[in-house]
Amino acid sequence: MSIQKRSIGLCIVLTIVTCGIYGLYWLYCLAEDVNLATARPNAPSGGLVLLLSIVTCNIYGLYWLYRAGDDLDRQRVNQGQAAGHLGILYLLLAIFGFSIISYALMQSELNEYAAE
């Protein structure tokens, strides 16, 4: 299984048009792709991230955004790139109501790891 390159604009439009339902699927896909990109053996699956985010009224979703950003940041450093403090960026955007922007930025980061 490999990381799939997704159109960020299309994902945003589908999330808005479906009143957030596609956003739940997008969260699932992001979690699965982050696990593939960072190769963390004990990372929660996409289904677990989605379930815990729904059950905790997105409190777990905020934690996961921070953790996933931190993991992607570590992956960047391992590849010789500069750290971007992605975890803090994703968390702050989500806290202020811009989770969709966090998802878009994370998808942009993951698209760099996608197989062409």
PDB file of N, CA and C in Angstrom:
ATOM      1  N   MET A   1       0.855  -1.188   0.000  1.00  0.00           N
ATOM      2  CA  MET A   1       0.000   0.000   0.000  1.00  0.00           C
ATOM      3  C   MET A   1       0.890   1.237   0.000  1.00  0.00           C
ATOM      4  N   SER A   2       0.528   2.213  -0.797  1.00  0.00           N
ATOM      5  CA  SER A   2       1.332   3.430  -0.877  1.00  0.00           C
ATOM      6  C   SER A   2       0.452   4.655  -0.646  1.00  0.00           C
ATOM      7  N   ILE A   3       1.107   5.762  -0.435  1.00  0.00           N
ATOM      8  CA  ILE A   3       0.396   7.017  -0.188  1.00  0.00           C
ATOM      9  C   ILE A   3      -0.182   7.512  -1.504  1.00  0.00           C
ATOM     10  N   GLN A   4      -1.457   7.874  -1.471  1.00  0.00           N
ATOM     11  CA  GLN A   4      -2.139   8.349  -2.665  1.00  0.00           C
ATOM     12  C   GLN A   4      -2.080   9.868  -2.716  1.00  0.00           C
ATOM     13  N   LYS A   5      -1.722  10.386  -3.866  1.00  0.00           N
ATOM     14  CA  LYS A   5      -1.704  11.834  -4.053  1.00  0.00           C
ATOM     15  C   LYS A   5      -3.140  12.301  -4.274  1.00  0.00           C
ATOM     16  N   ARG A   6      -3.578  13.271  -3.471  1.00  0.00           N
ATOM     17  CA  ARG A   6      -4.952  13.769  -3.550  1.00  0.00           C
ATOM     18  C   ARG A   6      -4.956  15.250  -3.919  1.00  0.00           C
ATOM     19  N   SER A   7      -5.984  15.649  -4.637  1.00  0.00           N
ATOM     20  CA  SER A   7      -6.178  17.057  -4.991  1.00  0.00           C
ATOM     21  C   SER A   7      -6.718  17.784  -3.764  1.00  0.00           C
ATOM     22  N   ILE A   8      -5.961  18.737  -3.280  1.00  0.00           N
ATOM     23  CA  ILE A   8      -6.356  19.463  -2.078  1.00  0.00           C
ATOM     24  C   ILE A   8      -7.625  20.275  -2.337  1.00  0.00           C
ATOM     25  N   GLY A   9      -7.692  20.938  -3.466  1.00  0.00           N
ATOM     26  CA  GLY A   9      -8.870  21.733  -3.798  1.00  0.00           C
ATOM     27  C   GLY A   9     -10.131  20.888  -3.862  1.00  0.00           C
ATOM     28  N   LEU A  10     -10.031  19.731  -4.494  1.00  0.00           N
ATOM     29  CA  LEU A  10     -11.183  18.838  -4.598  1.00  0.00           C
ATOM     30  C   LEU A  10     -11.616  18.340  -3.225  1.00  0.00           C
ATOM     31  N   CYS A  11     -10.665  18.009  -2.379  1.00  0.00           N
ATOM     32  CA  CYS A  11     -10.991  17.549  -1.027  1.00  0.00           C
ATOM     33  C   CYS A  11     -11.700  18.643  -0.232  1.00  0.00           C
ATOM     34  N   ILE A  12     -11.254  19.877  -0.374  1.00  0.00           N
ATOM     35  CA  ILE A  12     -11.895  20.996   0.327  1.00  0.00           C
ATOM     36  C   ILE A  12     -13.309  21.210  -0.198  1.00  0.00           C
ATOM     37  N   VAL A  13     -13.473  21.211  -1.508  1.00  0.00           N
ATOM     38  CA  VAL A  13     -14.799  21.410  -2.094  1.00  0.00           C
ATOM     39  C   VAL A  13     -15.744  20.293  -1.674  1.00  0.00           C
ATOM     40  N   LEU A  14     -15.292  19.048  -1.736  1.00  0.00           N
ATOM     41  CA  LEU A  14     -16.143  17.922  -1.340  1.00  0.00           C
ATOM     42  C   LEU A  14     -16.517  17.986   0.137  1.00  0.00           C
ATOM     43  N   THR A  15     -15.584  18.437   0.975  1.00  0.00           N
ATOM     44  CA  THR A  15     -15.877  18.577   2.403  1.00  0.00           C
ATOM     45  C   THR A  15     -16.956  19.633   2.619  1.00  0.00           C
ATOM     46  N   ILE A  16     -16.876  20.742   1.901  1.00  0.00           N
ATOM     47  CA  ILE A  16     -17.867  21.808   2.053  1.00  0.00           C
ATOM     48  C   ILE A  16     -19.217  21.378   1.492  1.00  0.00           C
ATOM     49  N   VAL A  17     -19.221  20.786   0.295  1.00  0.00           N
ATOM     50  CA  VAL A  17     -20.469  20.384  -0.360  1.00  0.00           C
ATOM     51  C   VAL A  17     -21.202  19.302   0.446  1.00  0.00           C
ATOM     52  N   THR A  18     -20.468  18.395   1.069  1.00  0.00           N
ATOM     53  CA  THR A  18     -21.100  17.313   1.833  1.00  0.00           C
ATOM     54  C   THR A  18     -21.286  17.671   3.303  1.00  0.00           C
ATOM     55  N   CYS A  19     -21.147  18.936   3.636  1.00  0.00           N
ATOM     56  CA  CYS A  19     -21.321  19.419   5.021  1.00  0.00           C
ATOM     57  C   CYS A  19     -20.415  18.678   6.009  1.00  0.00           C
ATOM     58  N   GLY A  20     -19.213  18.382   5.585  1.00  0.00           N
ATOM     59  CA  GLY A  20     -18.217  17.799   6.475  1.00  0.00           C
ATOM     60  C   GLY A  20     -18.113  16.293   6.443  1.00  0.00           C
ATOM     61  N   ILE A  21     -19.038  15.611   5.776  1.00  0.00           N
ATOM     62  CA  ILE A  21     -18.989  14.147   5.754  1.00  0.00           C
ATOM     63  C   ILE A  21     -17.741  13.661   5.029  1.00  0.00           C
ATOM     64  N   TYR A  22     -17.416  14.296   3.894  1.00  0.00           N
ATOM     65  CA  TYR A  22     -16.190  13.903   3.194  1.00  0.00           C
ATOM     66  C   TYR A  22     -14.970  14.222   4.052  1.00  0.00           C
ATOM     67  N   GLY A  23     -15.057  15.245   4.886  1.00  0.00           N
ATOM     68  CA  GLY A  23     -13.952  15.584   5.786  1.00  0.00           C
ATOM     69  C   GLY A  23     -13.618  14.457   6.737  1.00  0.00           C
ATOM     70  N   LEU A  24     -14.632  13.695   7.153  1.00  0.00           N
ATOM     71  CA  LEU A  24     -14.379  12.531   8.015  1.00  0.00           C
ATOM     72  C   LEU A  24     -13.596  11.461   7.258  1.00  0.00           C
ATOM     73  N   TYR A  25     -13.987  11.223   6.010  1.00  0.00           N
ATOM     74  CA  TYR A  25     -13.241  10.272   5.189  1.00  0.00           C
ATOM     75  C   TYR A  25     -11.822  10.773   4.942  1.00  0.00           C
ATOM     76  N   TRP A  26     -11.692  12.061   4.714  1.00  0.00           N
ATOM     77  CA  TRP A  26     -10.375  12.663   4.473  1.00  0.00           C
ATOM     78  C   TRP A  26      -9.494  12.494   5.705  1.00  0.00           C
ATOM     79  N   LEU A  27     -10.072  12.677   6.895  1.00  0.00           N
ATOM     80  CA  LEU A  27      -9.317  12.466   8.136  1.00  0.00           C
ATOM     81  C   LEU A  27      -8.825  11.029   8.222  1.00  0.00           C
ATOM     82  N   TYR A  28      -9.695  10.078   7.883  1.00  0.00           N
ATOM     83  CA  TYR A  28      -9.310   8.665   7.872  1.00  0.00           C
ATOM     84  C   TYR A  28      -8.120   8.444   6.928  1.00  0.00           C
ATOM     85  N   CYS A  29      -8.216   8.984   5.723  1.00  0.00           N
ATOM     86  CA  CYS A  29      -7.145   8.823   4.727  1.00  0.00           C
ATOM     87  C   CYS A  29      -5.850   9.489   5.188  1.00  0.00           C
ATOM     88  N   LEU A  30      -5.959  10.675   5.783  1.00  0.00           N
ATOM     89  CA  LEU A  30      -4.771  11.370   6.284  1.00  0.00           C
ATOM     90  C   LEU A  30      -4.073  10.541   7.358  1.00  0.00           C
ATOM     91  N   ALA A  31      -4.856   9.975   8.274  1.00  0.00           N
ATOM     92  CA  ALA A  31      -4.267   9.174   9.342  1.00  0.00           C
ATOM     93  C   ALA A  31      -3.544   7.953   8.772  1.00  0.00           C
ATOM     94  N   GLU A  32      -4.164   7.294   7.811  1.00  0.00           N
ATOM     95  CA  GLU A  32      -3.526   6.126   7.190  1.00  0.00           C
ATOM     96  C   GLU A  32      -2.248   6.529   6.455  1.00  0.00           C
ATOM     97  N   ASP A  33      -2.301   7.649   5.732  1.00  0.00           N
ATOM     98  CA  ASP A  33      -1.136   8.101   4.978  1.00  0.00           C
ATOM     99  C   ASP A  33       0.001   8.571   5.889  1.00  0.00           C
ATOM    100  N   VAL A  34      -0.338   9.224   6.997  1.00  0.00           N
ATOM    101  CA  VAL A  34       0.700   9.635   7.951  1.00  0.00           C
ATOM    102  C   VAL A  34       1.389   8.391   8.519  1.00  0.00           C
ATOM    103  N   ASN A  35       0.613   7.357   8.807  1.00  0.00           N
ATOM    104  CA  ASN A  35       1.205   6.118   9.313  1.00  0.00           C
ATOM    105  C   ASN A  35       2.157   5.507   8.291  1.00  0.00           C
ATOM    106  N   LEU A  36       1.791   5.571   7.020  1.00  0.00           N
ATOM    107  CA  LEU A  36       2.679   5.043   5.974  1.00  0.00           C
ATOM    108  C   LEU A  36       3.930   5.900   5.821  1.00  0.00           C
ATOM    109  N   ALA A  37       3.770   7.205   5.855  1.00  0.00           N
ATOM    110  CA  ALA A  37       4.905   8.108   5.644  1.00  0.00           C
ATOM    111  C   ALA A  37       5.902   8.058   6.787  1.00  0.00           C
ATOM    112  N   THR A  38       5.412   7.915   8.006  1.00  0.00           N
ATOM    113  CA  THR A  38       6.302   7.961   9.168  1.00  0.00           C
ATOM    114  C   THR A  38       6.724   6.585   9.647  1.00  0.00           C
ATOM    115  N   ALA A  39       6.059   5.536   9.173  1.00  0.00           N
ATOM    116  CA  ALA A  39       6.382   4.150   9.527  1.00  0.00           C
ATOM    117  C   ALA A  39       6.410   3.931  11.038  1.00  0.00           C
ATOM    118  N   ARG A  40       5.426   4.496  11.715  1.00  0.00           N
ATOM    119  CA  ARG A  40       5.299   4.279  13.164  1.00  0.00           C
ATOM    120  C   ARG A  40       4.532   2.998  13.400  1.00  0.00           C
ATOM    121  N   PRO A  41       5.112   2.013  14.080  1.00  0.00           N
ATOM    122  CA  PRO A  41       4.443   0.725  14.253  1.00  0.00           C
ATOM    123  C   PRO A  41       3.237   0.764  15.188  1.00  0.00           C
ATOM    124  N   ASN A  42       3.248   1.614  16.185  1.00  0.00           N
ATOM    125  CA  ASN A  42       2.162   1.638  17.162  1.00  0.00           C
ATOM    126  C   ASN A  42       1.200   2.797  16.954  1.00  0.00           C
ATOM    127  N   ALA A  43       1.224   3.401  15.806  1.00  0.00           N
ATOM    128  CA  ALA A  43       0.349   4.541  15.534  1.00  0.00           C
ATOM    129  C   ALA A  43      -1.097   4.065  15.381  1.00  0.00           C
ATOM    130  N   PRO A  44      -2.043   4.876  15.815  1.00  0.00           N
ATOM    131  CA  PRO A  44      -3.454   4.491  15.668  1.00  0.00           C
ATOM    132  C   PRO A  44      -3.866   4.466  14.200  1.00  0.00           C
ATOM    133  N   SER A  45      -4.722   3.522  13.853  1.00  0.00           N
ATOM    134  CA  SER A  45      -5.193   3.414  12.473  1.00  0.00           C
ATOM    135  C   SER A  45      -6.125   4.578  12.156  1.00  0.00           C
ATOM    136  N   GLY A  46      -6.419   4.737  10.893  1.00  0.00           N
ATOM    137  CA  GLY A  46      -7.325   5.794  10.475  1.00  0.00           C
ATOM    138  C   GLY A  46      -8.708   5.630  11.076  1.00  0.00           C
ATOM    139  N   GLY A  47      -9.178   4.397  11.152  1.00  0.00           N
ATOM    140  CA  GLY A  47     -10.487   4.139  11.741  1.00  0.00           C
ATOM    141  C   GLY A  47     -10.531   4.508  13.211  1.00  0.00           C
ATOM    142  N   LEU A  48      -9.462   4.210  13.929  1.00  0.00           N
ATOM    143  CA  LEU A  48      -9.411   4.541  15.360  1.00  0.00           C
ATOM    144  C   LEU A  48      -9.343   6.055  15.561  1.00  0.00           C
ATOM    145  N   VAL A  49      -8.562   6.731  14.742  1.00  0.00           N
ATOM    146  CA  VAL A  49      -8.484   8.202  14.830  1.00  0.00           C
ATOM    147  C   VAL A  49      -9.858   8.808  14.582  1.00  0.00           C
ATOM    148  N   LEU A  50     -10.548   8.328  13.571  1.00  0.00           N
ATOM    149  CA  LEU A  50     -11.876   8.835  13.249  1.00  0.00           C
ATOM    150  C   LEU A  50     -12.855   8.561  14.389  1.00  0.00           C
ATOM    151  N   LEU A  51     -12.876   7.342  14.894  1.00  0.00           N
ATOM    152  CA  LEU A  51     -13.790   6.970  15.974  1.00  0.00           C
ATOM    153  C   LEU A  51     -13.535   7.789  17.237  1.00  0.00           C
ATOM    154  N   LEU A  52     -12.277   7.879  17.635  1.00  0.00           N
ATOM    155  CA  LEU A  52     -11.958   8.629  18.855  1.00  0.00           C
ATOM    156  C   LEU A  52     -12.232  10.123  18.689  1.00  0.00           C
ATOM    157  N   SER A  53     -12.040  10.648  17.491  1.00  0.00           N
ATOM    158  CA  SER A  53     -12.346  12.064  17.243  1.00  0.00           C
ATOM    159  C   SER A  53     -13.841  12.325  17.384  1.00  0.00           C
ATOM    160  N   ILE A  54     -14.659  11.410  16.879  1.00  0.00           N
ATOM    161  CA  ILE A  54     -16.109  11.572  16.975  1.00  0.00           C
ATOM    162  C   ILE A  54     -16.570  11.416  18.425  1.00  0.00           C
ATOM    163  N   VAL A  55     -16.080  10.379  19.105  1.00  0.00           N
ATOM    164  CA  VAL A  55     -16.515  10.089  20.474  1.00  0.00           C
ATOM    165  C   VAL A  55     -16.101  11.196  21.448  1.00  0.00           C
ATOM    166  N   THR A  56     -14.941  11.789  21.248  1.00  0.00           N
ATOM    167  CA  THR A  56     -14.447  12.816  22.173  1.00  0.00           C
ATOM    168  C   THR A  56     -14.778  14.237  21.708  1.00  0.00           C
ATOM    169  N   CYS A  57     -15.695  14.363  20.769  1.00  0.00           N
ATOM    170  CA  CYS A  57     -16.074  15.681  20.227  1.00  0.00           C
ATOM    171  C   CYS A  57     -14.844  16.441  19.709  1.00  0.00           C
ATOM    172  N   ASN A  58     -13.989  15.735  19.045  1.00  0.00           N
ATOM    173  CA  ASN A  58     -12.791  16.237  18.367  1.00  0.00           C
ATOM    174  C   ASN A  58     -11.637  16.615  19.299  1.00  0.00           C
ATOM    175  N   ILE A  59     -11.730  16.333  20.571  1.00  0.00           N
ATOM    176  CA  ILE A  59     -10.579  16.579  21.449  1.00  0.00           C
ATOM    177  C   ILE A  59      -9.421  15.678  21.030  1.00  0.00           C
ATOM    178  N   TYR A  60      -9.723  14.408  20.756  1.00  0.00           N
ATOM    179  CA  TYR A  60      -8.669  13.513  20.279  1.00  0.00           C
ATOM    180  C   TYR A  60      -8.164  13.972  18.913  1.00  0.00           C
ATOM    181  N   GLY A  61      -9.049  14.518  18.092  1.00  0.00           N
ATOM    182  CA  GLY A  61      -8.645  15.018  16.774  1.00  0.00           C
ATOM    183  C   GLY A  61      -7.598  16.114  16.881  1.00  0.00           C
ATOM    184  N   LEU A  62      -7.745  16.977  17.882  1.00  0.00           N
ATOM    185  CA  LEU A  62      -6.744  18.023  18.104  1.00  0.00           C
ATOM    186  C   LEU A  62      -5.404  17.411  18.498  1.00  0.00           C
ATOM    187  N   TYR A  63      -5.459  16.441  19.415  1.00  0.00           N
ATOM    188  CA  TYR A  63      -4.230  15.757  19.834  1.00  0.00           C
ATOM    189  C   TYR A  63      -3.592  15.068  18.633  1.00  0.00           C
ATOM    190  N   TRP A  64      -4.412  14.397  17.828  1.00  0.00           N
ATOM    191  CA  TRP A  64      -3.865  13.669  16.685  1.00  0.00           C
ATOM    192  C   TRP A  64      -3.229  14.619  15.675  1.00  0.00           C
ATOM    193  N   LEU A  65      -3.857  15.776  15.432  1.00  0.00           N
ATOM    194  CA  LEU A  65      -3.262  16.737  14.502  1.00  0.00           C
ATOM    195  C   LEU A  65      -1.874  17.166  14.974  1.00  0.00           C
ATOM    196  N   TYR A  66      -1.756  17.442  16.287  1.00  0.00           N
ATOM    197  CA  TYR A  66      -0.453  17.824  16.819  1.00  0.00           C
ATOM    198  C   TYR A  66       0.546  16.678  16.652  1.00  0.00           C
ATOM    199  N   ARG A  67       0.129  15.489  17.033  1.00  0.00           N
ATOM    200  CA  ARG A  67       1.030  14.332  16.977  1.00  0.00           C
ATOM    201  C   ARG A  67       1.454  14.006  15.546  1.00  0.00           C
ATOM    202  N   ALA A  68       0.487  14.036  14.621  1.00  0.00           N
ATOM    203  CA  ALA A  68       0.798  13.746  13.220  1.00  0.00           C
ATOM    204  C   ALA A  68       1.741  14.792  12.642  1.00  0.00           C
ATOM    205  N   GLY A  69       1.511  16.062  12.971  1.00  0.00           N
ATOM    206  CA  GLY A  69       2.404  17.118  12.501  1.00  0.00           C
ATOM    207  C   GLY A  69       3.806  16.958  13.051  1.00  0.00           C
ATOM    208  N   ASP A  70       3.880  16.565  14.312  1.00  0.00           N
ATOM    209  CA  ASP A  70       5.179  16.328  14.938  1.00  0.00           C
ATOM    210  C   ASP A  70       5.895  15.162  14.259  1.00  0.00           C
ATOM    211  N   ASP A  71       5.148  14.103  13.953  1.00  0.00           N
ATOM    212  CA  ASP A  71       5.742  12.946  13.266  1.00  0.00           C
ATOM    213  C   ASP A  71       6.210  13.310  11.862  1.00  0.00           C
ATOM    214  N   LEU A  72       5.404  14.093  11.146  1.00  0.00           N
ATOM    215  CA  LEU A  72       5.813  14.524   9.803  1.00  0.00           C
ATOM    216  C   LEU A  72       7.029  15.437   9.866  1.00  0.00           C
ATOM    217  N   ASP A  73       7.092  16.247  10.914  1.00  0.00           N
ATOM    218  CA  ASP A  73       8.250  17.118  11.112  1.00  0.00           C
ATOM    219  C   ASP A  73       9.519  16.289  11.319  1.00  0.00           C
ATOM    220  N   ARG A  74       9.409  15.249  12.144  1.00  0.00           N
ATOM    221  CA  ARG A  74      10.556  14.359  12.370  1.00  0.00           C
ATOM    222  C   ARG A  74      10.988  13.684  11.080  1.00  0.00           C
ATOM    223  N   GLN A  75      10.002  13.319  10.266  1.00  0.00           N
ATOM    224  CA  GLN A  75      10.306  12.686   8.978  1.00  0.00           C
ATOM    225  C   GLN A  75      11.064  13.659   8.075  1.00  0.00           C
ATOM    226  N   ARG A  76      10.667  14.927   8.092  1.00  0.00           N
ATOM    227  CA  ARG A  76      11.372  15.946   7.304  1.00  0.00           C
ATOM    228  C   ARG A  76      12.820  16.076   7.754  1.00  0.00           C
ATOM    229  N   VAL A  77      13.039  16.116   9.061  1.00  0.00           N
ATOM    230  CA  VAL A  77      14.389  16.256   9.600  1.00  0.00           C
ATOM    231  C   VAL A  77      15.230  15.038   9.218  1.00  0.00           C
ATOM    232  N   ASN A  78      14.626  13.847   9.263  1.00  0.00           N
ATOM    233  CA  ASN A  78      15.346  12.624   8.878  1.00  0.00           C
ATOM    234  C   ASN A  78      15.776  12.663   7.415  1.00  0.00           C
ATOM    235  N   GLN A  79      15.045  13.399   6.595  1.00  0.00           N
ATOM    236  CA  GLN A  79      15.379  13.510   5.177  1.00  0.00           C
ATOM    237  C   GLN A  79      16.276  14.706   4.878  1.00  0.00           C
ATOM    238  N   GLY A  80      16.714  15.402   5.927  1.00  0.00           N
ATOM    239  CA  GLY A  80      17.645  16.502   5.743  1.00  0.00           C
ATOM    240  C   GLY A  80      16.991  17.850   5.489  1.00  0.00           C
ATOM    241  N   GLN A  81      15.687  17.943   5.660  1.00  0.00           N
ATOM    242  CA  GLN A  81      14.994  19.215   5.466  1.00  0.00           C
ATOM    243  C   GLN A  81      14.867  19.937   6.801  1.00  0.00           C
ATOM    244  N   ALA A  82      14.558  21.196   6.735  1.00  0.00           N
ATOM    245  CA  ALA A  82      14.388  21.990   7.955  1.00  0.00           C
ATOM    246  C   ALA A  82      13.075  21.642   8.638  1.00  0.00           C
ATOM    247  N   ALA A  83      13.092  21.669   9.962  1.00  0.00           N
ATOM    248  CA  ALA A  83      11.877  21.423  10.727  1.00  0.00           C
ATOM    249  C   ALA A  83      10.930  22.602  10.554  1.00  0.00           C
ATOM    250  N   GLY A  84       9.638  22.319  10.498  1.00  0.00           N
ATOM    251  CA  GLY A  84       8.671  23.382  10.283  1.00  0.00           C
ATOM    252  C   GLY A  84       7.695  23.572  11.423  1.00  0.00           C
ATOM    253  N   HIS A  85       7.867  22.852  12.526  1.00  0.00           N
ATOM    254  CA  HIS A  85       6.951  22.927  13.667  1.00  0.00           C
ATOM    255  C   HIS A  85       5.517  22.713  13.204  1.00  0.00           C
ATOM    256  N   LEU A  86       5.326  21.659  12.410  1.00  0.00           N
ATOM    257  CA  LEU A  86       4.029  21.390  11.817  1.00  0.00           C
ATOM    258  C   LEU A  86       2.975  21.048  12.858  1.00  0.00           C
ATOM    259  N   GLY A  87       3.349  20.338  13.905  1.00  0.00           N
ATOM    260  CA  GLY A  87       2.389  19.958  14.933  1.00  0.00           C
ATOM    261  C   GLY A  87       1.727  21.163  15.568  1.00  0.00           C
ATOM    262  N   ILE A  88       2.514  22.144  15.919  1.00  0.00           N
ATOM    263  CA  ILE A  88       1.975  23.357  16.537  1.00  0.00           C
ATOM    264  C   ILE A  88       1.104  24.117  15.542  1.00  0.00           C
ATOM    265  N   LEU A  89       1.530  24.199  14.300  1.00  0.00           N
ATOM    266  CA  LEU A  89       0.757  24.889  13.268  1.00  0.00           C
ATOM    267  C   LEU A  89      -0.599  24.226  13.080  1.00  0.00           C
ATOM    268  N   TYR A  90      -0.617  22.901  12.907  1.00  0.00           N
ATOM    269  CA  TYR A  90      -1.876  22.183  12.703  1.00  0.00           C
ATOM    270  C   TYR A  90      -2.790  22.346  13.911  1.00  0.00           C
ATOM    271  N   LEU A  91      -2.241  22.250  15.107  1.00  0.00           N
ATOM    272  CA  LEU A  91      -3.034  22.369  16.326  1.00  0.00           C
ATOM    273  C   LEU A  91      -3.650  23.761  16.456  1.00  0.00           C
ATOM    274  N   LEU A  92      -2.846  24.796  16.266  1.00  0.00           N
ATOM    275  CA  LEU A  92      -3.360  26.158  16.403  1.00  0.00           C
ATOM    276  C   LEU A  92      -4.436  26.466  15.362  1.00  0.00           C
ATOM    277  N   LEU A  93      -4.230  26.038  14.142  1.00  0.00           N
ATOM    278  CA  LEU A  93      -5.255  26.251  13.119  1.00  0.00           C
ATOM    279  C   LEU A  93      -6.564  25.570  13.510  1.00  0.00           C
ATOM    280  N   ALA A  94      -6.475  24.345  14.016  1.00  0.00           N
ATOM    281  CA  ALA A  94      -7.676  23.603  14.397  1.00  0.00           C
ATOM    282  C   ALA A  94      -8.366  24.240  15.602  1.00  0.00           C
ATOM    283  N   ILE A  95      -7.594  24.703  16.562  1.00  0.00           N
ATOM    284  CA  ILE A  95      -8.182  25.337  17.742  1.00  0.00           C
ATOM    285  C   ILE A  95      -8.981  26.572  17.342  1.00  0.00           C
ATOM    286  N   PHE A  96      -8.499  27.321  16.382  1.00  0.00           N
ATOM    287  CA  PHE A  96      -9.182  28.532  15.946  1.00  0.00           C
ATOM    288  C   PHE A  96     -10.214  28.274  14.845  1.00  0.00           C
ATOM    289  N   GLY A  97     -10.565  27.007  14.632  1.00  0.00           N
ATOM    290  CA  GLY A  97     -11.652  26.669  13.715  1.00  0.00           C
ATOM    291  C   GLY A  97     -11.256  26.447  12.276  1.00  0.00           C
ATOM    292  N   PHE A  98      -9.978  26.292  12.011  1.00  0.00           N
ATOM    293  CA  PHE A  98      -9.518  26.104  10.641  1.00  0.00           C
ATOM    294  C   PHE A  98      -8.927  24.708  10.429  1.00  0.00           C
ATOM    295  N   SER A  99      -9.640  23.694  10.900  1.00  0.00           N
ATOM    296  CA  SER A  99      -9.172  22.318  10.742  1.00  0.00           C
ATOM    297  C   SER A  99      -8.989  21.955   9.280  1.00  0.00           C
ATOM    298  N   ILE A 100      -9.863  22.471   8.431  1.00  0.00           N
ATOM    299  CA  ILE A 100      -9.777  22.149   7.009  1.00  0.00           C
ATOM    300  C   ILE A 100      -8.459  22.650   6.422  1.00  0.00           C
ATOM    301  N   ILE A 101      -7.937  23.755   6.941  1.00  0.00           N
ATOM    302  CA  ILE A 101      -6.641  24.254   6.481  1.00  0.00           C
ATOM    303  C   ILE A 101      -5.528  23.344   6.990  1.00  0.00           C
ATOM    304  N   SER A 102      -5.666  22.848   8.223  1.00  0.00           N
ATOM    305  CA  SER A 102      -4.695  21.881   8.749  1.00  0.00           C
ATOM    306  C   SER A 102      -4.670  20.641   7.875  1.00  0.00           C
ATOM    307  N   TYR A 103      -5.860  20.147   7.509  1.00  0.00           N
ATOM    308  CA  TYR A 103      -5.939  18.973   6.647  1.00  0.00           C
ATOM    309  C   TYR A 103      -5.279  19.259   5.294  1.00  0.00           C
ATOM    310  N   ALA A 104      -5.533  20.444   4.741  1.00  0.00           N
ATOM    311  CA  ALA A 104      -4.966  20.798   3.439  1.00  0.00           C
ATOM    312  C   ALA A 104      -3.442  20.873   3.500  1.00  0.00           C
ATOM    313  N   LEU A 105      -2.922  21.484   4.560  1.00  0.00           N
ATOM    314  CA  LEU A 105      -1.465  21.570   4.709  1.00  0.00           C
ATOM    315  C   LEU A 105      -0.848  20.182   4.906  1.00  0.00           C
ATOM    316  N   MET A 106      -1.530  19.352   5.684  1.00  0.00           N
ATOM    317  CA  MET A 106      -1.034  17.991   5.896  1.00  0.00           C
ATOM    318  C   MET A 106      -1.075  17.199   4.596  1.00  0.00           C
ATOM    319  N   GLN A 107      -2.147  17.383   3.808  1.00  0.00           N
ATOM    320  CA  GLN A 107      -2.238  16.687   2.530  1.00  0.00           C
ATOM    321  C   GLN A 107      -1.130  17.151   1.588  1.00  0.00           C
ATOM    322  N   SER A 108      -0.824  18.435   1.612  1.00  0.00           N
ATOM    323  CA  SER A 108       0.263  18.950   0.793  1.00  0.00           C
ATOM    324  C   SER A 108       1.585  18.297   1.175  1.00  0.00           C
ATOM    325  N   GLU A 109       1.813  18.159   2.471  1.00  0.00           N
ATOM    326  CA  GLU A 109       3.025  17.504   2.960  1.00  0.00           C
ATOM    327  C   GLU A 109       3.054  16.036   2.530  1.00  0.00           C
ATOM    328  N   LEU A 110       1.917  15.364   2.641  1.00  0.00           N
ATOM    329  CA  LEU A 110       1.848  13.941   2.285  1.00  0.00           C
ATOM    330  C   LEU A 110       1.948  13.728   0.782  1.00  0.00           C
ATOM    331  N   ASN A 111       1.481  14.684  -0.010  1.00  0.00           N
ATOM    332  CA  ASN A 111       1.590  14.553  -1.464  1.00  0.00           C
ATOM    333  C   ASN A 111       3.048  14.486  -1.907  1.00  0.00           C
ATOM    334  N   GLU A 112       3.948  15.040  -1.113  1.00  0.00           N
ATOM    335  CA  GLU A 112       5.377  14.950  -1.442  1.00  0.00           C
ATOM    336  C   GLU A 112       5.904  13.536  -1.288  1.00  0.00           C
ATOM    337  N   TYR A 113       5.257  12.734  -0.447  1.00  0.00           N
ATOM    338  CA  TYR A 113       5.657  11.350  -0.231  1.00  0.00           C
ATOM    339  C   TYR A 113       4.926  10.377  -1.143  1.00  0.00           C
ATOM    340  N   ALA A 114       3.929  10.875  -1.882  1.00  0.00           N
ATOM    341  CA  ALA A 114       3.103  10.007  -2.720  1.00  0.00           C
ATOM    342  C   ALA A 114       3.882   9.499  -3.920  1.00  0.00           C
ATOM    343  N   ALA A 115       3.556   8.274  -4.278  1.00  0.00           N
ATOM    344  CA  ALA A 115       4.169   7.676  -5.468  1.00  0.00           C
ATOM    345  C   ALA A 115       3.528   8.284  -6.704  1.00  0.00           C
ATOM    346  N   GLU A 116       4.337   8.655  -7.626  1.00  0.00           N
ATOM    347  CA  GLU A 116       3.841   9.277  -8.865  1.00  0.00           C
ATOM    348  C   GLU A 116       3.218   8.254  -9.772  1.00  0.00           C
TER     349      GLU A 116
END
